[in-house]
C-alpha atoms as a PDB file:
ATOM      1  CA  MET A   1      60.150 -81.047  21.750  1.00  0.00           C
ATOM      2  CA  ASN A   2      61.064 -80.981  25.593  1.00  0.00           C
ATOM      3  CA  LYS A   3      59.982 -83.370  27.942  1.00  0.00           C
ATOM      4  CA  GLY A   4      58.281 -80.618  29.560  1.00  0.00           C
ATOM      5  CA  SER A   5      56.404 -79.910  26.287  1.00  0.00           C
ATOM      6  CA  PHE A   6      55.466 -83.616  25.504  1.00  0.00           C
ATOM      7  CA  PHE A   7      53.870 -83.972  29.115  1.00  0.00           C
ATOM      8  CA  LYS A   8      52.330 -80.928  29.176  1.00  0.00           C
ATOM      9  CA  ASN A   9      50.501 -82.030  25.731  1.00  0.00           C
ATOM     10  CA  ILE A  10      49.739 -85.405  27.059  1.00  0.00           C
ATOM     11  CA  LYS A  11      47.934 -83.802  30.257  1.00  0.00           C
ATOM     12  CA  THR A  12      46.092 -81.068  27.662  1.00  0.00           C
ATOM     13  CA  GLY A  13      44.497 -84.103  25.750  1.00  0.00           C
ATOM     14  CA  ILE A  14      43.363 -86.129  28.700  1.00  0.00           C
ATOM     15  CA  ARG A  15      41.402 -82.856  30.277  1.00  0.00           C
ATOM     16  CA  HIS A  16      40.205 -82.408  26.357  1.00  0.00           C
ATOM     17  CA  ARG A  17      38.787 -85.985  26.571  1.00  0.00           C
ATOM     18  CA  ILE A  18      37.635 -85.790  30.078  1.00  0.00           C
ATOM     19  CA  ASN A  19      35.614 -82.638  29.151  1.00  0.00           C
ATOM     20  CA  LYS A  20      34.468 -83.683  26.162  1.00  0.00           C
ATOM     21  CA  SER A  21      32.942 -86.945  27.828  1.00  0.00           C
ATOM     22  CA  LEU A  22      31.312 -85.143  30.454  1.00  0.00           C
ATOM     23  CA  LYS A  23      29.883 -82.698  28.062  1.00  0.00           C
ATOM     24  CA  ASN A  24      26.026 -83.207  27.414  1.00  0.00           C
ATOM     25  CA  PRO A  25      25.461 -81.925  23.584  1.00  0.00           C
ATOM     26  CA  TYR A  26      21.596 -82.502  24.264  1.00  0.00           C
ATOM     27  CA  GLN A  27      21.609 -80.151  27.245  1.00  0.00           C
ATOM     28  CA  LYS A  28      20.647 -77.226  24.571  1.00  0.00           C
ATOM     29  CA  ALA A  29      17.147 -79.424  23.984  1.00  0.00           C
ATOM     30  CA  ASN A  30      16.792 -79.735  27.638  1.00  0.00           C
ATOM     31  CA  LEU A  31      17.689 -83.669  27.703  1.00  0.00           C
ATOM     32  CA  ASN A  32      19.933 -84.842  30.344  1.00  0.00           C
ATOM     33  CA  TYR A  33      22.154 -87.763  30.151  1.00  0.00           C
ATOM     34  CA  PHE A  34      19.734 -90.055  31.944  1.00  0.00           C
ATOM     35  CA  LYS A  35      16.680 -88.471  29.993  1.00  0.00           C
ATOM     36  CA  VAL A  36      18.694 -89.703  26.505  1.00  0.00           C
ATOM     37  CA  LYS A  37      19.415 -93.195  27.504  1.00  0.00           C
ATOM     38  CA  TYR A  38      16.103 -93.715  28.658  1.00  0.00           C
ATOM     39  CA  LEU A  39      14.478 -92.576  25.727  1.00  0.00           C
ATOM     40  CA  LYS A  40      17.048 -94.862  23.626  1.00  0.00           C
ATOM     41  CA  HIS A  41      15.709 -97.615  25.161  1.00  0.00           C
ATOM     42  CA  LEU A  42      11.944 -96.713  24.886  1.00  0.00           C
ATOM     43  CA  PRO A  43       9.860 -98.834  22.776  1.00  0.00           C
ATOM     44  CA  PRO A  44       8.179 -96.637  19.913  1.00  0.00           C
ATOM     45  CA  GLY A  45       4.317 -96.722  19.572  1.00  0.00           C
ATOM     46  CA  LYS A  46       3.469 -95.109  22.760  1.00  0.00           C
ATOM     47  CA  LEU A  47       2.616 -91.548  22.671  1.00  0.00           C
ATOM     48  CA  ASN A  48       5.212 -89.505  24.337  1.00  0.00           C
ATOM     49  CA  SER A  49       5.931 -85.867  25.232  1.00  0.00           C
ATOM     50  CA  HIS A  50       9.332 -83.905  26.002  1.00  0.00           C
ATOM     51  CA  ILE A  51       9.214 -80.096  27.021  1.00  0.00           C
ATOM     52  CA  LEU A  52      11.224 -78.351  24.592  1.00  0.00           C
ATOM     53  CA  TYR A  53      11.455 -74.471  24.378  1.00  0.00           C
ATOM     54  CA  GLY A  54       9.120 -74.349  27.491  1.00  0.00           C
ATOM     55  CA  ALA A  55       6.140 -76.619  25.617  1.00  0.00           C
ATOM     56  CA  SER A  56       5.281 -79.983  25.088  1.00  0.00           C
ATOM     57  CA  THR A  57       6.475 -81.773  22.360  1.00  0.00           C
ATOM     58  CA  TYR A  58       4.774 -85.113  21.301  1.00  0.00           C
ATOM     59  CA  PHE A  59       6.349 -87.904  19.520  1.00  0.00           C
ATOM     60  CA  TYR A  60       5.593 -91.704  19.430  1.00  0.00           C
ATOM     61  CA  ASN A  61       9.008 -92.828  18.422  1.00  0.00           C
ATOM     62  CA  PRO A  62      11.491 -92.101  20.796  1.00  0.00           C
ATOM     63  CA  GLN A  63      14.793 -93.126  18.791  1.00  0.00           C
ATOM     64  CA  GLU A  64      14.172 -91.028  15.858  1.00  0.00           C
ATOM     65  CA  PHE A  65      12.809 -88.396  18.078  1.00  0.00           C
ATOM     66  CA  LEU A  66      16.229 -88.116  19.204  1.00  0.00           C
ATOM     67  CA  HIS A  67      17.951 -88.445  15.902  1.00  0.00           C
ATOM     68  CA  GLY A  68      15.631 -85.286  15.125  1.00  0.00           C
ATOM     69  CA  ILE A  69      16.875 -83.654  18.051  1.00  0.00           C
ATOM     70  CA  LYS A  70      20.506 -84.312  17.172  1.00  0.00           C
ATOM     71  CA  GLU A  71      20.451 -83.399  13.824  1.00  0.00           C
ATOM     72  CA  ILE A  72      18.355 -80.224  14.290  1.00  0.00           C
ATOM     73  CA  PHE A  73      18.911 -78.906  17.835  1.00  0.00           C
ATOM     74  CA  VAL A  74      22.505 -80.271  18.489  1.00  0.00           C
ATOM     75  CA  ASP A  75      23.946 -79.983  14.882  1.00  0.00           C
ATOM     76  CA  GLU A  76      21.839 -77.807  13.921  1.00  0.00           C
ATOM     77  CA  ILE A  77      21.811 -78.563   9.959  1.00  0.00           C
ATOM     78  CA  TYR A  78      18.966 -75.976   9.164  1.00  0.00           C
ATOM     79  CA  LYS A  79      21.417 -73.245  10.886  1.00  0.00           C
ATOM     80  CA  GLN A  80      21.559 -70.119   8.405  1.00  0.00           C
ATOM     81  CA  GLN A  81      21.054 -66.310   8.081  1.00  0.00           C
ATOM     82  CA  LEU A  82      17.849 -65.559   6.900  1.00  0.00           C
ATOM     83  CA  PRO A  83      15.611 -62.434   6.843  1.00  0.00           C
ATOM     84  CA  SER A  84      13.358 -61.898   9.773  1.00  0.00           C
ATOM     85  CA  ASP A  85      10.143 -62.462   7.867  1.00  0.00           C
ATOM     86  CA  ALA A  86      11.576 -65.361   5.935  1.00  0.00           C
ATOM     87  CA  ARG A  87       9.302 -67.373   3.826  1.00  0.00           C
ATOM     88  CA  VAL A  88       9.608 -71.204   4.351  1.00  0.00           C
ATOM     89  CA  LEU A  89       8.400 -74.233   2.235  1.00  0.00           C
ATOM     90  CA  ASP A  90       8.909 -77.066   4.825  1.00  0.00           C
ATOM     91  CA  CYS A  91       8.217 -80.286   2.538  1.00  0.00           C
ATOM     92  CA  GLY A  92       8.249 -83.151   4.683  1.00  0.00           C
ATOM     93  CA  ALA A  93       8.320 -81.262   8.394  1.00  0.00           C
ATOM     94  CA  ASN A  94       7.134 -84.720  10.374  1.00  0.00           C
ATOM     95  CA  ILE A  95       6.357 -83.829  13.634  1.00  0.00           C
ATOM     96  CA  GLY A  96       7.291 -80.712  13.411  1.00  0.00           C
ATOM     97  CA  LEU A  97      10.912 -80.262  14.864  1.00  0.00           C
ATOM     98  CA  SER A  98      12.315 -78.206  11.913  1.00  0.00           C
ATOM     99  CA  VAL A  99       9.459 -75.681  12.181  1.00  0.00           C
ATOM    100  CA  ILE A 100      10.129 -75.336  15.744  1.00  0.00           C
ATOM    101  CA  TYR A 101      13.490 -74.604  15.699  1.00  0.00           C
ATOM    102  CA  LEU A 102      13.230 -72.350  12.711  1.00  0.00           C
ATOM    103  CA  LYS A 103      10.388 -70.362  14.291  1.00  0.00           C
ATOM    104  CA  GLU A 104      12.715 -70.385  17.399  1.00  0.00           C
ATOM    105  CA  LEU A 105      15.235 -68.225  15.775  1.00  0.00           C
ATOM    106  CA  TYR A 106      13.114 -66.467  13.369  1.00  0.00           C
ATOM    107  CA  PRO A 107       9.530 -65.930  15.130  1.00  0.00           C
ATOM    108  CA  ASP A 108       8.429 -63.444  12.186  1.00  0.00           C
ATOM    109  CA  ALA A 109       9.307 -66.360   9.527  1.00  0.00           C
ATOM    110  CA  ARG A 110       6.438 -67.137   7.507  1.00  0.00           C
ATOM    111  CA  ILE A 111       6.398 -71.141   7.234  1.00  0.00           C
ATOM    112  CA  THR A 112       4.309 -73.457   5.205  1.00  0.00           C
ATOM    113  CA  ALA A 113       4.699 -77.045   6.461  1.00  0.00           C
ATOM    114  CA  PHE A 114       3.630 -80.307   4.590  1.00  0.00           C
ATOM    115  CA  GLU A 115       3.035 -83.589   5.723  1.00  0.00           C
ATOM    116  CA  PRO A 116       0.722 -86.167   4.305  1.00  0.00           C
ATOM    117  CA  ASP A 117       1.191 -88.791   7.062  1.00  0.00           C
ATOM    118  CA  GLU A 118      -1.816 -89.122   9.180  1.00  0.00           C
ATOM    119  CA  LYS A 119      -0.186 -89.544  12.860  1.00  0.00           C
ATOM    120  CA  ASN A 120       2.554 -87.328  12.235  1.00  0.00           C
ATOM    121  CA  PHE A 121       0.555 -84.730  11.094  1.00  0.00           C
ATOM    122  CA  GLU A 122      -1.299 -85.064  14.019  1.00  0.00           C
ATOM    123  CA  LEU A 123       1.752 -84.600  16.251  1.00  0.00           C
ATOM    124  CA  LEU A 124       2.837 -81.775  13.701  1.00  0.00           C
ATOM    125  CA  SER A 125      -0.669 -79.994  14.475  1.00  0.00           C
ATOM    126  CA  LYS A 126      -0.029 -80.732  18.382  1.00  0.00           C
ATOM    127  CA  ASN A 127       3.356 -79.403  18.675  1.00  0.00           C
ATOM    128  CA  VAL A 128       2.500 -76.270  16.795  1.00  0.00           C
ATOM    129  CA  ALA A 129      -0.512 -75.799  18.828  1.00  0.00           C
ATOM    130  CA  ALA A 130       1.367 -76.003  22.046  1.00  0.00           C
ATOM    131  CA  ARG A 131       3.592 -72.674  21.218  1.00  0.00           C
ATOM    132  CA  SER A 132       2.231 -69.344  20.228  1.00  0.00           C
ATOM    133  CA  TYR A 133       3.350 -69.199  17.173  1.00  0.00           C
ATOM    134  CA  LYS A 134       2.156 -67.376  14.312  1.00  0.00           C
ATOM    135  CA  ASN A 135       2.222 -67.186  10.404  1.00  0.00           C
ATOM    136  CA  ILE A 136       2.334 -70.753  10.067  1.00  0.00           C
ATOM    137  CA  GLU A 137       0.406 -73.007   7.481  1.00  0.00           C
ATOM    138  CA  LEU A 138       0.098 -76.871   8.327  1.00  0.00           C
ATOM    139  CA  ARG A 139      -1.059 -78.852   4.946  1.00  0.00           C
ATOM    140  CA  LYS A 140      -1.576 -82.758   5.232  1.00  0.00           C
ATOM    141  CA  GLU A 141      -0.825 -83.082   1.657  1.00  0.00           C
ATOM    142  CA  ALA A 142       2.322 -85.038  -0.317  1.00  0.00           C
ATOM    143  CA  ILE A 143       4.969 -82.988  -2.265  1.00  0.00           C
ATOM    144  CA  TRP A 144       4.595 -84.431  -5.753  1.00  0.00           C
ATOM    145  CA  ILE A 145       4.915 -83.472  -9.795  1.00  0.00           C
ATOM    146  CA  ALA A 146       1.130 -82.927  -9.828  1.00  0.00           C
ATOM    147  CA  ASN A 147      -2.364 -81.794  -8.285  1.00  0.00           C
ATOM    148  CA  THR A 148      -3.902 -85.203  -7.643  1.00  0.00           C
ATOM    149  CA  GLU A 149      -4.143 -88.167  -5.347  1.00  0.00           C
ATOM    150  CA  ILE A 150      -1.296 -90.654  -4.962  1.00  0.00           C
ATOM    151  CA  GLU A 151      -0.727 -93.750  -2.922  1.00  0.00           C
ATOM    152  CA  PHE A 152       1.005 -93.371   0.147  1.00  0.00           C
ATOM    153  CA  SER A 153       2.762 -95.698   2.752  1.00  0.00           C
ATOM    154  CA  GLU A 154       2.390 -94.311   5.993  1.00  0.00           C
ATOM    155  CA  ASP A 155       3.900 -95.814   9.521  1.00  0.00           C
ATOM    156  CA  ALA A 156       4.334 -92.508  11.490  1.00  0.00           C
ATOM    157  CA  SER A 157       7.597 -92.403  11.054  1.00  0.00           C
ATOM    158  CA  MET A 158      10.400 -90.589   9.270  1.00  0.00           C
ATOM    159  CA  SER A 159      10.165 -93.162   6.343  1.00  0.00           C
ATOM    160  CA  SER A 160       6.609 -92.663   5.381  1.00  0.00           C
ATOM    161  CA  ARG A 161       6.484 -92.130   1.609  1.00  0.00           C
ATOM    162  CA  ILE A 162       5.330 -92.221  -2.058  1.00  0.00           C
ATOM    163  CA  GLU A 163       4.810 -95.662  -3.521  1.00  0.00           C
ATOM    164  CA  GLU A 164       4.236 -95.736  -7.183  1.00  0.00           C
ATOM    165  CA  SER A 165       4.861-100.250  -7.569  1.00  0.00           C
ATOM    166  CA  GLY A 166       1.349-101.112  -6.323  1.00  0.00           C
ATOM    167  CA  VAL A 167       2.740-101.774  -2.945  1.00  0.00           C
ATOM    168  CA  THR A 168       0.004-103.588  -0.676  1.00  0.00           C
ATOM    169  CA  GLY A 169      -1.010-101.739   2.769  1.00  0.00           C
ATOM    170  CA  VAL A 170      -1.050 -98.014   1.307  1.00  0.00           C
ATOM    171  CA  ARG A 171      -3.628 -95.239   0.981  1.00  0.00           C
ATOM    172  CA  LYS A 172      -4.636 -92.741  -1.148  1.00  0.00           C
ATOM    173  CA  VAL A 173      -3.659 -88.940   0.305  1.00  0.00           C
ATOM    174  CA  LYS A 174      -3.935 -85.565  -1.356  1.00  0.00           C
ATOM    175  CA  ALA A 175      -0.667 -84.446  -3.191  1.00  0.00           C
ATOM    176  CA  ILE A 176       0.287 -80.736  -4.346  1.00  0.00           C
ATOM    177  CA  ARG A 177       2.468 -79.638  -7.570  1.00  0.00           C
ATOM    178  CA  LEU A 178       5.355 -78.069  -6.218  1.00  0.00           C
ATOM    179  CA  LYS A 179       5.871 -75.955  -8.725  1.00  0.00           C
ATOM    180  CA  ASP A 180       2.730 -74.511  -8.637  1.00  0.00           C
ATOM    181  CA  LEU A 181       3.666 -73.143  -5.452  1.00  0.00           C
ATOM    182  CA  LEU A 182       6.986 -71.336  -6.704  1.00  0.00           C
ATOM    183  CA  THR A 183       5.229 -68.009  -7.490  1.00  0.00           C
ATOM    184  CA  ASP A 184       7.419 -65.577  -5.302  1.00  0.00           C
ATOM    185  CA  LYS A 185      10.526 -65.481  -3.595  1.00  0.00           C
ATOM    186  CA  VAL A 186      10.981 -68.157  -1.191  1.00  0.00           C
ATOM    187  CA  ASP A 187      14.052 -67.638   1.476  1.00  0.00           C
ATOM    188  CA  PHE A 188      14.286 -71.463   2.358  1.00  0.00           C
ATOM    189  CA  LEU A 189      13.130 -74.345   0.758  1.00  0.00           C
ATOM    190  CA  LYS A 190      13.619 -77.834   2.549  1.00  0.00           C
ATOM    191  CA  ILE A 191      12.956 -81.249   0.661  1.00  0.00           C
ATOM    192  CA  ASP A 192      12.930 -84.058   2.584  1.00  0.00           C
ATOM    193  CA  ILE A 193      10.443 -86.228   0.977  1.00  0.00           C
ATOM    194  CA  GLU A 194      11.802 -89.985   1.050  1.00  0.00           C
ATOM    195  CA  GLY A 195      12.533 -90.899  -2.241  1.00  0.00           C
ATOM    196  CA  ALA A 196      10.535 -88.029  -4.317  1.00  0.00           C
ATOM    197  CA  GLU A 197      13.167 -85.563  -4.637  1.00  0.00           C
ATOM    198  CA  PHE A 198      14.791 -86.140  -8.300  1.00  0.00           C
ATOM    199  CA  LYS A 199      11.432 -86.059  -9.964  1.00  0.00           C
ATOM    200  CA  VAL A 200      10.320 -83.080  -7.782  1.00  0.00           C
ATOM    201  CA  LEU A 201      13.491 -81.258  -8.483  1.00  0.00           C
ATOM    202  CA  SER A 202      12.884 -82.321 -12.113  1.00  0.00           C
ATOM    203  CA  ASP A 203       9.601 -80.513 -11.930  1.00  0.00           C
ATOM    204  CA  ILE A 204      10.629 -77.659 -10.873  1.00  0.00           C
ATOM    205  CA  GLU A 205      13.742 -76.969 -12.270  1.00  0.00           C
ATOM    206  CA  GLU A 206      12.594 -73.812 -14.347  1.00  0.00           C
ATOM    207  CA  LYS A 207      11.350 -72.148 -10.753  1.00  0.00           C
ATOM    208  CA  LEU A 208      14.668 -72.726  -8.709  1.00  0.00           C
ATOM    209  CA  ASN A 209      15.601 -69.045  -9.727  1.00  0.00           C
ATOM    210  CA  VAL A 210      12.914 -67.742  -7.065  1.00  0.00           C
ATOM    211  CA  ILE A 211      14.641 -70.001  -4.016  1.00  0.00           C
ATOM    212  CA  ASN A 212      17.531 -68.719  -2.184  1.00  0.00           C
ATOM    213  CA  ASN A 213      18.440 -71.330  -0.052  1.00  0.00           C
ATOM    214  CA  MET A 214      17.463 -75.294  -0.255  1.00  0.00           C
ATOM    215  CA  PHE A 215      18.217 -78.205   1.797  1.00  0.00           C
ATOM    216  CA  ILE A 216      17.401 -81.368   0.082  1.00  0.00           C
ATOM    217  CA  GLU A 217      17.793 -85.099   1.996  1.00  0.00           C
ATOM    218  CA  TYR A 218      18.531 -87.684  -0.869  1.00  0.00           C
ATOM    219  CA  HIS A 219      17.462 -91.122  -0.785  1.00  0.00           C
ATOM    220  CA  GLY A 220      18.481 -93.743  -3.188  1.00  0.00           C
ATOM    221  CA  LEU A 221      19.723 -96.836  -4.498  1.00  0.00           C
ATOM    222  CA  TYR A 222      23.125 -97.559  -6.562  1.00  0.00           C
ATOM    223  CA  ASP A 223      20.692 -98.153  -9.809  1.00  0.00           C
ATOM    224  CA  GLN A 224      19.382 -94.773  -9.297  1.00  0.00           C
ATOM    225  CA  GLN A 225      22.691 -92.939  -9.215  1.00  0.00           C
ATOM    226  CA  GLU A 226      22.124 -91.497 -12.588  1.00  0.00           C
ATOM    227  CA  GLU A 227      19.250 -89.265 -11.150  1.00  0.00           C
ATOM    228  CA  LEU A 228      21.736 -88.376  -8.332  1.00  0.00           C
ATOM    229  CA  THR A 229      24.048 -87.217 -10.982  1.00  0.00           C
ATOM    230  CA  GLN A 230      21.193 -85.120 -12.740  1.00  0.00           C
ATOM    231  CA  ILE A 231      20.250 -83.707  -8.874  1.00  0.00           C
ATOM    232  CA  PHE A 232      23.499 -82.150  -9.191  1.00  0.00           C
ATOM    233  CA  GLN A 233      23.458 -81.207 -12.821  1.00  0.00           C
ATOM    234  CA  ILE A 234      20.136 -79.412 -12.323  1.00  0.00           C
ATOM    235  CA  LEU A 235      21.767 -77.761  -9.076  1.00  0.00           C
ATOM    236  CA  THR A 236      24.653 -76.048 -11.298  1.00  0.00           C
ATOM    237  CA  ARG A 237      22.348 -74.815 -13.890  1.00  0.00           C
ATOM    238  CA  ALA A 238      20.349 -73.125 -11.277  1.00  0.00           C
ATOM    239  CA  GLY A 239      23.183 -71.124 -10.069  1.00  0.00           C
ATOM    240  CA  PHE A 240      23.496 -73.154  -6.877  1.00  0.00           C
ATOM    241  CA  ASN A 241      26.489 -74.001  -4.615  1.00  0.00           C
ATOM    242  CA  TYR A 242      26.063 -76.908  -2.719  1.00  0.00           C
ATOM    243  CA  TYR A 243      27.716 -79.127   0.071  1.00  0.00           C
ATOM    244  CA  ILE A 244      27.345 -82.935   0.984  1.00  0.00           C
ATOM    245  CA  LYS A 245      27.275 -84.462   4.067  1.00  0.00           C
ATOM    246  CA  GLU A 246      26.073 -88.290   4.617  1.00  0.00           C
ATOM    247  CA  ALA A 247      22.428 -88.177   6.266  1.00  0.00           C
ATOM    248  CA  GLN A 248      22.902 -91.656   7.599  1.00  0.00           C
ATOM    249  CA  ALA A 249      25.889 -93.851   7.874  1.00  0.00           C
ATOM    250  CA  ILE A 250      24.481 -96.979   6.214  1.00  0.00           C
ATOM    251  CA  TYR A 251      27.636 -98.633   5.273  1.00  0.00           C
ATOM    252  CA  GLU A 252      29.980 -99.006   8.195  1.00  0.00           C
ATOM    253  CA  HIS A 253      32.371-100.242   5.583  1.00  0.00           C
ATOM    254  CA  PRO A 254      31.080 -99.568   2.034  1.00  0.00           C
ATOM    255  CA  PHE A 255      33.269-101.993  -0.043  1.00  0.00           C
ATOM    256  CA  SER A 256      31.537-104.609   2.011  1.00  0.00           C
ATOM    257  CA  LYS A 257      27.978-103.534   0.962  1.00  0.00           C
ATOM    258  CA  VAL A 258      26.507-105.174   4.155  1.00  0.00           C
ATOM    259  CA  LYS A 259      23.048-102.886   3.841  1.00  0.00           C
ATOM    260  CA  ASP A 260      21.262-102.590   7.062  1.00  0.00           C
ATOM    261  CA  PRO A 261      18.016-104.131   6.341  1.00  0.00           C
ATOM    262  CA  ALA A 262      16.051-101.779   8.621  1.00  0.00           C
ATOM    263  CA  ILE A 263      17.046 -98.819   6.052  1.00  0.00           C
ATOM    264  CA  PRO A 264      15.423 -99.001   2.696  1.00  0.00           C
ATOM    265  CA  TYR A 265      18.282 -96.830   0.859  1.00  0.00           C
ATOM    266  CA  GLN A 266      21.657 -97.299   0.034  1.00  0.00           C
ATOM    267  CA  ILE A 267      22.211 -93.688  -0.405  1.00  0.00           C
ATOM    268  CA  GLN A 268      21.100 -91.086   1.886  1.00  0.00           C
ATOM    269  CA  LEU A 269      22.586 -87.520   1.741  1.00  0.00           C
ATOM    270  CA  ASN A 270      21.817 -84.297   3.129  1.00  0.00           C
ATOM    271  CA  ILE A 271      22.710 -81.688  -0.017  1.00  0.00           C
ATOM    272  CA  PHE A 272      23.123 -77.837   1.269  1.00  0.00           C
ATOM    273  CA  CYS A 273      22.385 -75.591  -1.659  1.00  0.00           C
ATOM    274  CA  PHE A 274      22.720 -71.935  -1.622  1.00  0.00           C
ATOM    275  CA  ARG A 275      23.652 -69.034  -4.265  1.00  0.00           C
ATOM    276  CA  LYS A 276      27.284 -68.453  -5.512  1.00  0.00           C
ATOM    277  CA  GLN A 277      27.236 -64.964  -4.241  1.00  0.00           C
ATOM    278  CA  GLN A 278      26.757 -66.079  -0.493  1.00  0.00           C
ATOM    279  CA  VAL A 279      30.099 -67.785  -0.887  1.00  0.00           C
ATOM    280  CA  VAL A 280      32.780 -65.899   1.286  1.00  0.00           C
END
């Protein structure tokens, strides 16, 4: 390599780094640098709002809101090719960011969104009502393996979850069996149900043939890794290919096993499932 090429590459690299540092990835969600910094340091608990796609979007936890914005609108983890009138089941809709993302892409999509947390459901309803969306059904129910009532730990966050171990401070919520809903074709099934994924997937295995694309956010512990292995076996038997990403960097140095005490799981994965014939 001659001197000219070397210095040219150096200049190109510096220019690339400067452009990258100046680029605002949150711009597509109508957030500038200063608003992002403000939200990062704003304490949770108070009702806040942000204009997203021309309408108010309400949230209680600014850090979780930013996390959701980055995942869904910046990184676009749900980006895919769907029919214009796609049938979507959103299990664990939280405050509705996934619903907003999908409806902006596919206005005619028919979406049923499930969210059992009282305050999350209140914000989900508020955020959907702020827009002129049609063909959306909101259900304040937990996705489960039976039609029943189940103990649920809620704190108006992404960590609200089903409890089966007699934990104090929980309340009873209505639960719906997902298997009973899988009677017709589903173009996209999203499952983000904070630790109940294995039991629900095991229950619906014989109905997975009606699902085209599926997203699973897996939450687990090291002593539950056999369940994770079984999940992959279920997906393979059902004819899915899958792609795995880390949903959250829980361990900076995995061999050290120094777990963040604020995160109740040791493994958190995003599993993208799609039919083998879709691979090109």
